[in-house]
PDB file of N, CA and C in Angstrom:
ATOM      1  N   MET A   1       2.981   1.551 -16.450  1.00  0.00           N
ATOM      2  CA  MET A   1       2.012   2.148 -15.489  1.00  0.00           C
ATOM      3  C   MET A   1       2.888   2.746 -14.420  1.00  0.00           C
ATOM      4  N   ALA A   2       2.530   4.009 -14.113  1.00  0.00           N
ATOM      5  CA  ALA A   2       3.259   4.668 -12.963  1.00  0.00           C
ATOM      6  C   ALA A   2       2.656   4.470 -11.635  1.00  0.00           C
ATOM      7  N   PRO A   3       3.366   4.404 -10.601  1.00  0.00           N
ATOM      8  CA  PRO A   3       2.688   4.199  -9.374  1.00  0.00           C
ATOM      9  C   PRO A   3       2.028   5.547  -8.773  1.00  0.00           C
ATOM     10  N   SER A   4       0.982   5.297  -8.049  1.00  0.00           N
ATOM     11  CA  SER A   4       0.228   6.476  -7.576  1.00  0.00           C
ATOM     12  C   SER A   4       0.844   6.989  -6.204  1.00  0.00           C
ATOM     13  N   ALA A   5       1.762   6.118  -5.533  1.00  0.00           N
ATOM     14  CA  ALA A   5       2.481   6.526  -4.419  1.00  0.00           C
ATOM     15  C   ALA A   5       3.694   5.702  -4.218  1.00  0.00           C
ATOM     16  N   ILE A   6       4.651   6.220  -3.634  1.00  0.00           N
ATOM     17  CA  ILE A   6       5.970   5.456  -3.264  1.00  0.00           C
ATOM     18  C   ILE A   6       6.372   5.777  -1.824  1.00  0.00           C
ATOM     19  N   ALA A   7       6.834   4.848  -1.035  1.00  0.00           N
ATOM     20  CA  ALA A   7       7.488   5.126   0.236  1.00  0.00           C
ATOM     21  C   ALA A   7       8.649   4.262   0.481  1.00  0.00           C
ATOM     22  N   ALA A   8       9.584   4.832   1.195  1.00  0.00           N
ATOM     23  CA  ALA A   8      10.788   3.986   1.508  1.00  0.00           C
ATOM     24  C   ALA A   8      10.791   3.528   2.929  1.00  0.00           C
ATOM     25  N   SER A   9      11.321   2.450   3.214  1.00  0.00           N
ATOM     26  CA  SER A   9      11.414   1.960   4.548  1.00  0.00           C
ATOM     27  C   SER A   9      12.655   1.017   4.605  1.00  0.00           C
ATOM     28  N   GLY A  10      13.728   1.437   5.160  1.00  0.00           N
ATOM     29  CA  GLY A  10      14.917   0.635   5.257  1.00  0.00           C
ATOM     30  C   GLY A  10      15.398   0.472   3.780  1.00  0.00           C
ATOM     31  N   ASP A  11      15.655  -0.819   3.470  1.00  0.00           N
ATOM     32  CA  ASP A  11      16.119  -1.214   2.103  1.00  0.00           C
ATOM     33  C   ASP A  11      14.895  -1.667   1.166  1.00  0.00           C
ATOM     34  N   THR A  12      13.829  -1.196   1.613  1.00  0.00           N
ATOM     35  CA  THR A  12      12.582  -1.517   0.811  1.00  0.00           C
ATOM     36  C   THR A  12      11.866  -0.311   0.223  1.00  0.00           C
ATOM     37  N   LEU A  13      11.454  -0.413  -1.011  1.00  0.00           N
ATOM     38  CA  LEU A  13      10.568   0.501  -1.586  1.00  0.00           C
ATOM     39  C   LEU A  13       9.204  -0.018  -1.806  1.00  0.00           C
ATOM     40  N   TRP A  14       8.193   0.678  -1.315  1.00  0.00           N
ATOM     41  CA  TRP A  14       6.727   0.245  -1.550  1.00  0.00           C
ATOM     42  C   TRP A  14       6.116   1.208  -2.571  1.00  0.00           C
ATOM     43  N   ALA A  15       5.432   0.590  -3.542  1.00  0.00           N
ATOM     44  CA  ALA A  15       4.771   1.329  -4.502  1.00  0.00           C
ATOM     45  C   ALA A  15       3.404   0.944  -4.544  1.00  0.00           C
ATOM     46  N   ALA A  16       2.414   1.896  -4.657  1.00  0.00           N
ATOM     47  CA  ALA A  16       0.997   1.682  -4.802  1.00  0.00           C
ATOM     48  C   ALA A  16       0.666   1.961  -6.311  1.00  0.00           C
ATOM     49  N   TYR A  17      -0.167   0.968  -6.828  1.00  0.00           N
ATOM     50  CA  TYR A  17      -0.661   1.270  -8.148  1.00  0.00           C
ATOM     51  C   TYR A  17      -2.155   1.233  -8.104  1.00  0.00           C
ATOM     52  N   ALA A  18      -2.723   2.566  -8.239  1.00  0.00           N
ATOM     53  CA  ALA A  18      -4.185   2.701  -8.077  1.00  0.00           C
ATOM     54  C   ALA A  18      -4.959   2.025  -9.093  1.00  0.00           C
ATOM     55  N   GLU A  19      -4.476   2.013 -10.329  1.00  0.00           N
ATOM     56  CA  GLU A  19      -5.243   1.404 -11.508  1.00  0.00           C
ATOM     57  C   GLU A  19      -5.616  -0.077 -11.283  1.00  0.00           C
ATOM     58  N   ILE A  20      -4.728  -0.832 -10.528  1.00  0.00           N
ATOM     59  CA  ILE A  20      -4.912  -2.206 -10.337  1.00  0.00           C
ATOM     60  C   ILE A  20      -5.039  -2.562  -8.959  1.00  0.00           C
ATOM     61  N   ASN A  21      -5.186  -1.512  -8.086  1.00  0.00           N
ATOM     62  CA  ASN A  21      -5.420  -1.782  -6.524  1.00  0.00           C
ATOM     63  C   ASN A  21      -4.336  -2.682  -6.034  1.00  0.00           C
ATOM     64  N   THR A  22      -3.069  -2.483  -6.170  1.00  0.00           N
ATOM     65  CA  THR A  22      -2.087  -3.308  -5.832  1.00  0.00           C
ATOM     66  C   THR A  22      -0.950  -2.483  -5.105  1.00  0.00           C
ATOM     67  N   LEU A  23      -0.283  -3.138  -4.124  1.00  0.00           N
ATOM     68  CA  LEU A  23       0.853  -2.636  -3.427  1.00  0.00           C
ATOM     69  C   LEU A  23       1.954  -3.464  -3.749  1.00  0.00           C
ATOM     70  N   VAL A  24       3.125  -2.976  -4.125  1.00  0.00           N
ATOM     71  CA  VAL A  24       4.238  -3.874  -4.526  1.00  0.00           C
ATOM     72  C   VAL A  24       5.464  -3.482  -3.709  1.00  0.00           C
ATOM     73  N   LYS A  25       6.154  -4.540  -3.204  1.00  0.00           N
ATOM     74  CA  LYS A  25       7.386  -4.290  -2.504  1.00  0.00           C
ATOM     75  C   LYS A  25       8.610  -4.587  -3.318  1.00  0.00           C
ATOM     76  N   TYR A  26       9.540  -3.650  -3.324  1.00  0.00           N
ATOM     77  CA  TYR A  26      10.704  -3.788  -4.098  1.00  0.00           C
ATOM     78  C   TYR A  26      11.948  -3.683  -3.250  1.00  0.00           C
ATOM     79  N   ASN A  27      12.936  -4.452  -3.631  1.00  0.00           N
ATOM     80  CA  ASN A  27      14.285  -4.378  -3.017  1.00  0.00           C
ATOM     81  C   ASN A  27      14.976  -3.139  -3.347  1.00  0.00           C
ATOM     82  N   ALA A  28      15.291  -2.117  -2.565  1.00  0.00           N
ATOM     83  CA  ALA A  28      15.761  -0.878  -3.024  1.00  0.00           C
ATOM     84  C   ALA A  28      17.186  -1.046  -3.609  1.00  0.00           C
ATOM     85  N   ASN A  29      17.903  -2.036  -3.342  1.00  0.00           N
ATOM     86  CA  ASN A  29      19.225  -2.210  -3.921  1.00  0.00           C
ATOM     87  C   ASN A  29      19.211  -2.822  -5.338  1.00  0.00           C
ATOM     88  N   SER A  30      18.336  -3.836  -5.507  1.00  0.00           N
ATOM     89  CA  SER A  30      18.353  -4.412  -6.727  1.00  0.00           C
ATOM     90  C   SER A  30      17.162  -3.965  -7.684  1.00  0.00           C
ATOM     91  N   MET A  31      16.133  -3.251  -7.026  1.00  0.00           N
ATOM     92  CA  MET A  31      14.940  -2.806  -7.649  1.00  0.00           C
ATOM     93  C   MET A  31      14.177  -4.116  -8.214  1.00  0.00           C
ATOM     94  N   ARG A  32      14.283  -5.247  -7.671  1.00  0.00           N
ATOM     95  CA  ARG A  32      13.432  -6.397  -7.943  1.00  0.00           C
ATOM     96  C   ARG A  32      12.266  -6.400  -7.090  1.00  0.00           C
ATOM     97  N   GLU A  33      11.192  -6.893  -7.707  1.00  0.00           N
ATOM     98  CA  GLU A  33       9.926  -6.986  -7.097  1.00  0.00           C
ATOM     99  C   GLU A  33       9.988  -8.237  -6.131  1.00  0.00           C
ATOM    100  N   GLU A  34       9.595  -8.012  -4.839  1.00  0.00           N
ATOM    101  CA  GLU A  34       9.636  -9.125  -3.899  1.00  0.00           C
ATOM    102  C   GLU A  34       8.327  -9.588  -3.425  1.00  0.00           C
ATOM    103  N   LEU A  35       7.284  -8.745  -3.541  1.00  0.00           N
ATOM    104  CA  LEU A  35       5.944  -9.079  -3.013  1.00  0.00           C
ATOM    105  C   LEU A  35       4.857  -8.200  -3.621  1.00  0.00           C
ATOM    106  N   ARG A  36       3.650  -8.748  -3.887  1.00  0.00           N
ATOM    107  CA  ARG A  36       2.544  -8.171  -4.344  1.00  0.00           C
ATOM    108  C   ARG A  36       1.409  -8.430  -3.440  1.00  0.00           C
ATOM    109  N   ILE A  37       0.626  -7.297  -3.082  1.00  0.00           N
ATOM    110  CA  ILE A  37      -0.421  -7.471  -2.294  1.00  0.00           C
ATOM    111  C   ILE A  37      -1.576  -6.707  -3.004  1.00  0.00           C
ATOM    112  N   GLY A  38      -2.726  -7.391  -3.248  1.00  0.00           N
ATOM    113  CA  GLY A  38      -3.828  -6.949  -3.945  1.00  0.00           C
ATOM    114  C   GLY A  38      -4.180  -7.544  -5.222  1.00  0.00           C
ATOM    115  N   GLY A  39      -4.668  -6.834  -6.191  1.00  0.00           N
ATOM    116  CA  GLY A  39      -5.117  -7.339  -7.441  1.00  0.00           C
ATOM    117  C   GLY A  39      -6.435  -7.600  -7.544  1.00  0.00           C
ATOM    118  N   SER A  40      -7.068  -8.575  -8.196  1.00  0.00           N
ATOM    119  CA  SER A  40      -8.501  -8.759  -8.449  1.00  0.00           C
ATOM    120  C   SER A  40      -9.322  -8.939  -7.168  1.00  0.00           C
ATOM    121  N   SER A  41      -8.729  -9.536  -6.059  1.00  0.00           N
ATOM    122  CA  SER A  41      -9.484  -9.557  -4.848  1.00  0.00           C
ATOM    123  C   SER A  41      -8.817  -8.702  -3.842  1.00  0.00           C
ATOM    124  N   SER A  42      -8.498  -7.429  -4.167  1.00  0.00           N
ATOM    125  CA  SER A  42      -7.649  -6.540  -3.336  1.00  0.00           C
ATOM    126  C   SER A  42      -8.569  -5.915  -2.260  1.00  0.00           C
ATOM    127  N   PRO A  43      -7.974  -5.764  -1.077  1.00  0.00           N
ATOM    128  CA  PRO A  43      -8.652  -4.889  -0.064  1.00  0.00           C
ATOM    129  C   PRO A  43      -8.605  -3.367  -0.394  1.00  0.00           C
ATOM    130  N   PHE A  44      -7.607  -3.149  -1.228  1.00  0.00           N
ATOM    131  CA  PHE A  44      -7.557  -1.597  -1.583  1.00  0.00           C
ATOM    132  C   PHE A  44      -8.553  -1.094  -2.648  1.00  0.00           C
ATOM    133  N   GLY A  45      -8.719   0.218  -2.645  1.00  0.00           N
ATOM    134  CA  GLY A  45      -9.672   0.720  -3.512  1.00  0.00           C
ATOM    135  C   GLY A  45      -9.024   2.144  -3.920  1.00  0.00           C
ATOM    136  N   ASN A  46      -8.158   2.034  -5.014  1.00  0.00           N
ATOM    137  CA  ASN A  46      -7.486   3.220  -5.598  1.00  0.00           C
ATOM    138  C   ASN A  46      -6.509   3.698  -4.528  1.00  0.00           C
ATOM    139  N   PRO A  47      -5.526   2.962  -4.158  1.00  0.00           N
ATOM    140  CA  PRO A  47      -4.463   3.373  -3.145  1.00  0.00           C
ATOM    141  C   PRO A  47      -3.741   4.617  -3.661  1.00  0.00           C
ATOM    142  N   THR A  48      -3.756   5.786  -2.977  1.00  0.00           N
ATOM    143  CA  THR A  48      -3.072   6.946  -3.271  1.00  0.00           C
ATOM    144  C   THR A  48      -2.023   7.426  -2.395  1.00  0.00           C
ATOM    145  N   ALA A  49      -1.888   6.769  -1.259  1.00  0.00           N
ATOM    146  CA  ALA A  49      -0.784   7.255  -0.315  1.00  0.00           C
ATOM    147  C   ALA A  49      -0.391   6.046   0.515  1.00  0.00           C
ATOM    148  N   ILE A  50       0.991   6.123   0.945  1.00  0.00           N
ATOM    149  CA  ILE A  50       1.515   5.023   1.700  1.00  0.00           C
ATOM    150  C   ILE A  50       2.422   5.732   2.795  1.00  0.00           C
ATOM    151  N   PHE A  51       2.029   5.272   4.035  1.00  0.00           N
ATOM    152  CA  PHE A  51       2.828   5.774   5.244  1.00  0.00           C
ATOM    153  C   PHE A  51       3.546   4.671   6.076  1.00  0.00           C
ATOM    154  N   PRO A  52       4.840   4.494   5.942  1.00  0.00           N
ATOM    155  CA  PRO A  52       5.448   3.562   6.839  1.00  0.00           C
ATOM    156  C   PRO A  52       5.652   4.047   8.257  1.00  0.00           C
ATOM    157  N   ALA A  53       5.508   3.134   9.209  1.00  0.00           N
ATOM    158  CA  ALA A  53       5.641   3.468  10.570  1.00  0.00           C
ATOM    159  C   ALA A  53       6.226   2.229  11.266  1.00  0.00           C
ATOM    160  N   GLY A  54       7.468   2.187  11.408  1.00  0.00           N
ATOM    161  CA  GLY A  54       8.109   0.957  12.048  1.00  0.00           C
ATOM    162  C   GLY A  54       7.838  -0.207  11.216  1.00  0.00           C
ATOM    163  N   SER A  55       7.291  -1.287  11.842  1.00  0.00           N
ATOM    164  CA  SER A  55       6.943  -2.506  11.026  1.00  0.00           C
ATOM    165  C   SER A  55       5.544  -2.408  10.415  1.00  0.00           C
ATOM    166  N   LYS A  56       4.953  -1.304  10.441  1.00  0.00           N
ATOM    167  CA  LYS A  56       3.487  -1.183  10.019  1.00  0.00           C
ATOM    168  C   LYS A  56       3.617  -0.279   8.660  1.00  0.00           C
ATOM    169  N   LEU A  57       2.644  -0.512   7.841  1.00  0.00           N
ATOM    170  CA  LEU A  57       2.470   0.332   6.622  1.00  0.00           C
ATOM    171  C   LEU A  57       1.037   0.714   6.597  1.00  0.00           C
ATOM    172  N   PHE A  58       0.606   1.924   6.345  1.00  0.00           N
ATOM    173  CA  PHE A  58      -0.642   2.368   6.210  1.00  0.00           C
ATOM    174  C   PHE A  58      -0.920   2.884   4.815  1.00  0.00           C
ATOM    175  N   VAL A  59      -1.935   2.418   4.172  1.00  0.00           N
ATOM    176  CA  VAL A  59      -2.290   2.568   2.853  1.00  0.00           C
ATOM    177  C   VAL A  59      -3.642   3.395   2.732  1.00  0.00           C
ATOM    178  N   CYS A  60      -3.618   4.590   2.166  1.00  0.00           N
ATOM    179  CA  CYS A  60      -4.993   5.375   2.094  1.00  0.00           C
ATOM    180  C   CYS A  60      -5.530   5.133   0.830  1.00  0.00           C
ATOM    181  N   ASN A  61      -6.808   4.862   0.707  1.00  0.00           N
ATOM    182  CA  ASN A  61      -7.638   4.563  -0.557  1.00  0.00           C
ATOM    183  C   ASN A  61      -8.635   5.554  -0.778  1.00  0.00           C
ATOM    184  N   SER A  62      -8.561   6.194  -1.999  1.00  0.00           N
ATOM    185  CA  SER A  62      -9.460   7.228  -2.264  1.00  0.00           C
ATOM    186  C   SER A  62     -10.797   6.820  -2.692  1.00  0.00           C
ATOM    187  N   GLU A  63     -10.959   5.558  -3.228  1.00  0.00           N
ATOM    188  CA  GLU A  63     -12.131   5.116  -3.844  1.00  0.00           C
ATOM    189  C   GLU A  63     -13.057   4.431  -2.595  1.00  0.00           C
ATOM    190  N   THR A  64     -12.403   3.915  -1.696  1.00  0.00           N
ATOM    191  CA  THR A  64     -13.177   3.318  -0.557  1.00  0.00           C
ATOM    192  C   THR A  64     -13.158   4.076   0.690  1.00  0.00           C
ATOM    193  N   ASN A  65     -12.476   5.256   0.713  1.00  0.00           N
ATOM    194  CA  ASN A  65     -12.446   6.077   1.819  1.00  0.00           C
ATOM    195  C   ASN A  65     -11.968   5.484   3.145  1.00  0.00           C
ATOM    196  N   ASP A  66     -10.905   4.736   3.038  1.00  0.00           N
ATOM    197  CA  ASP A  66     -10.417   3.970   4.208  1.00  0.00           C
ATOM    198  C   ASP A  66      -8.972   3.889   4.120  1.00  0.00           C
ATOM    199  N   ILE A  67      -8.416   3.460   5.418  1.00  0.00           N
ATOM    200  CA  ILE A  67      -6.898   3.219   5.537  1.00  0.00           C
ATOM    201  C   ILE A  67      -6.829   1.822   5.971  1.00  0.00           C
ATOM    202  N   TRP A  68      -5.871   1.084   5.259  1.00  0.00           N
ATOM    203  CA  TRP A  68      -5.563  -0.318   5.572  1.00  0.00           C
ATOM    204  C   TRP A  68      -4.239  -0.305   6.230  1.00  0.00           C
ATOM    205  N   LYS A  69      -4.076  -1.245   7.267  1.00  0.00           N
ATOM    206  CA  LYS A  69      -2.806  -1.383   7.995  1.00  0.00           C
ATOM    207  C   LYS A  69      -2.200  -2.782   7.466  1.00  0.00           C
ATOM    208  N   ILE A  70      -0.860  -2.747   7.178  1.00  0.00           N
ATOM    209  CA  ILE A  70      -0.207  -4.021   6.853  1.00  0.00           C
ATOM    210  C   ILE A  70       0.969  -4.091   7.822  1.00  0.00           C
ATOM    211  N   ASP A  71       0.991  -5.305   8.521  1.00  0.00           N
ATOM    212  CA  ASP A  71       2.134  -5.659   9.322  1.00  0.00           C
ATOM    213  C   ASP A  71       3.225  -6.180   8.365  1.00  0.00           C
ATOM    214  N   THR A  72       4.351  -5.585   8.246  1.00  0.00           N
ATOM    215  CA  THR A  72       5.385  -5.975   7.317  1.00  0.00           C
ATOM    216  C   THR A  72       6.229  -7.166   7.802  1.00  0.00           C
ATOM    217  N   THR A  73       6.005  -7.671   9.158  1.00  0.00           N
ATOM    218  CA  THR A  73       6.774  -8.829   9.520  1.00  0.00           C
ATOM    219  C   THR A  73       5.974 -10.138   9.001  1.00  0.00           C
ATOM    220  N   ASN A  74       4.695 -10.016   8.914  1.00  0.00           N
ATOM    221  CA  ASN A  74       3.950 -11.243   8.485  1.00  0.00           C
ATOM    222  C   ASN A  74       2.985 -10.902   7.289  1.00  0.00           C
ATOM    223  N   TYR A  75       2.806  -9.744   6.886  1.00  0.00           N
ATOM    224  CA  TYR A  75       2.014  -9.249   5.755  1.00  0.00           C
ATOM    225  C   TYR A  75       0.462  -9.411   6.035  1.00  0.00           C
ATOM    226  N   LYS A  76       0.157  -9.402   7.244  1.00  0.00           N
ATOM    227  CA  LYS A  76      -1.302  -9.412   7.531  1.00  0.00           C
ATOM    228  C   LYS A  76      -1.871  -8.027   7.256  1.00  0.00           C
ATOM    229  N   THR A  77      -2.968  -7.971   6.629  1.00  0.00           N
ATOM    230  CA  THR A  77      -3.612  -6.778   6.283  1.00  0.00           C
ATOM    231  C   THR A  77      -5.014  -6.709   7.067  1.00  0.00           C
ATOM    232  N   GLU A  78      -5.221  -5.506   7.485  1.00  0.00           N
ATOM    233  CA  GLU A  78      -6.569  -5.265   8.191  1.00  0.00           C
ATOM    234  C   GLU A  78      -6.969  -3.824   7.993  1.00  0.00           C
ATOM    235  N   LEU A  79      -8.325  -3.531   8.070  1.00  0.00           N
ATOM    236  CA  LEU A  79      -8.840  -2.319   7.958  1.00  0.00           C
ATOM    237  C   LEU A  79      -8.474  -1.639   9.226  1.00  0.00           C
ATOM    238  N   TYR A  80      -8.001  -0.425   9.051  1.00  0.00           N
ATOM    239  CA  TYR A  80      -7.480   0.446  10.137  1.00  0.00           C
ATOM    240  C   TYR A  80      -8.478   1.507  10.546  1.00  0.00           C
ATOM    241  N   TYR A  81      -9.092   2.147   9.461  1.00  0.00           N
ATOM    242  CA  TYR A  81     -10.056   3.250   9.759  1.00  0.00           C
ATOM    243  C   TYR A  81     -10.850   3.482   8.462  1.00  0.00           C
ATOM    244  N   GLU A  82     -12.136   3.874   8.607  1.00  0.00           N
ATOM    245  CA  GLU A  82     -12.934   4.165   7.521  1.00  0.00           C
ATOM    246  C   GLU A  82     -13.632   5.401   7.690  1.00  0.00           C
ATOM    247  N   PHE A  83     -13.573   6.261   6.716  1.00  0.00           N
ATOM    248  CA  PHE A  83     -14.004   7.660   6.789  1.00  0.00           C
ATOM    249  C   PHE A  83     -15.379   7.776   6.101  1.00  0.00           C
ATOM    250  N   GLU A  84     -16.220   8.772   6.449  1.00  0.00           N
ATOM    251  CA  GLU A  84     -17.444   9.119   5.766  1.00  0.00           C
ATOM    252  C   GLU A  84     -17.057   9.969   4.534  1.00  0.00           C
ATOM    253  N   GLU A  85     -16.074  10.880   4.767  1.00  0.00           N
ATOM    254  CA  GLU A  85     -15.718  11.824   3.769  1.00  0.00           C
ATOM    255  C   GLU A  85     -14.695  11.190   2.850  1.00  0.00           C
ATOM    256  N   PRO A  86     -14.578  11.721   1.497  1.00  0.00           N
ATOM    257  CA  PRO A  86     -13.621  11.265   0.662  1.00  0.00           C
ATOM    258  C   PRO A  86     -12.242  11.494   1.163  1.00  0.00           C
ATOM    259  N   LEU A  87     -11.294  10.712   0.857  1.00  0.00           N
ATOM    260  CA  LEU A  87      -9.843  10.917   1.057  1.00  0.00           C
ATOM    261  C   LEU A  87      -9.215  11.399  -0.220  1.00  0.00           C
ATOM    262  N   LEU A  88      -8.360  12.327  -0.048  1.00  0.00           N
ATOM    263  CA  LEU A  88      -7.650  12.904  -1.329  1.00  0.00           C
ATOM    264  C   LEU A  88      -6.264  12.420  -1.555  1.00  0.00           C
TER     265      LEU A  88
END
């Protein structure tokens, strides 16, 4: 399965997998998976874009028309913004 979005932040690669509503953190040096956020009880709805900003990560979801914010220091996730219009 191919990722729907990829973003680099330091020695970390983040990949979004829209089909399974999951965000995966990879070590960029070893390409080993380090963390998974989402799955069957995921806050994501078809994640299609990832934007790193310092210690925050913003994930755009085209199915739920919202953006989720993840604090990469403690992996707390919270709804950042919800749109009435579809996100592409």
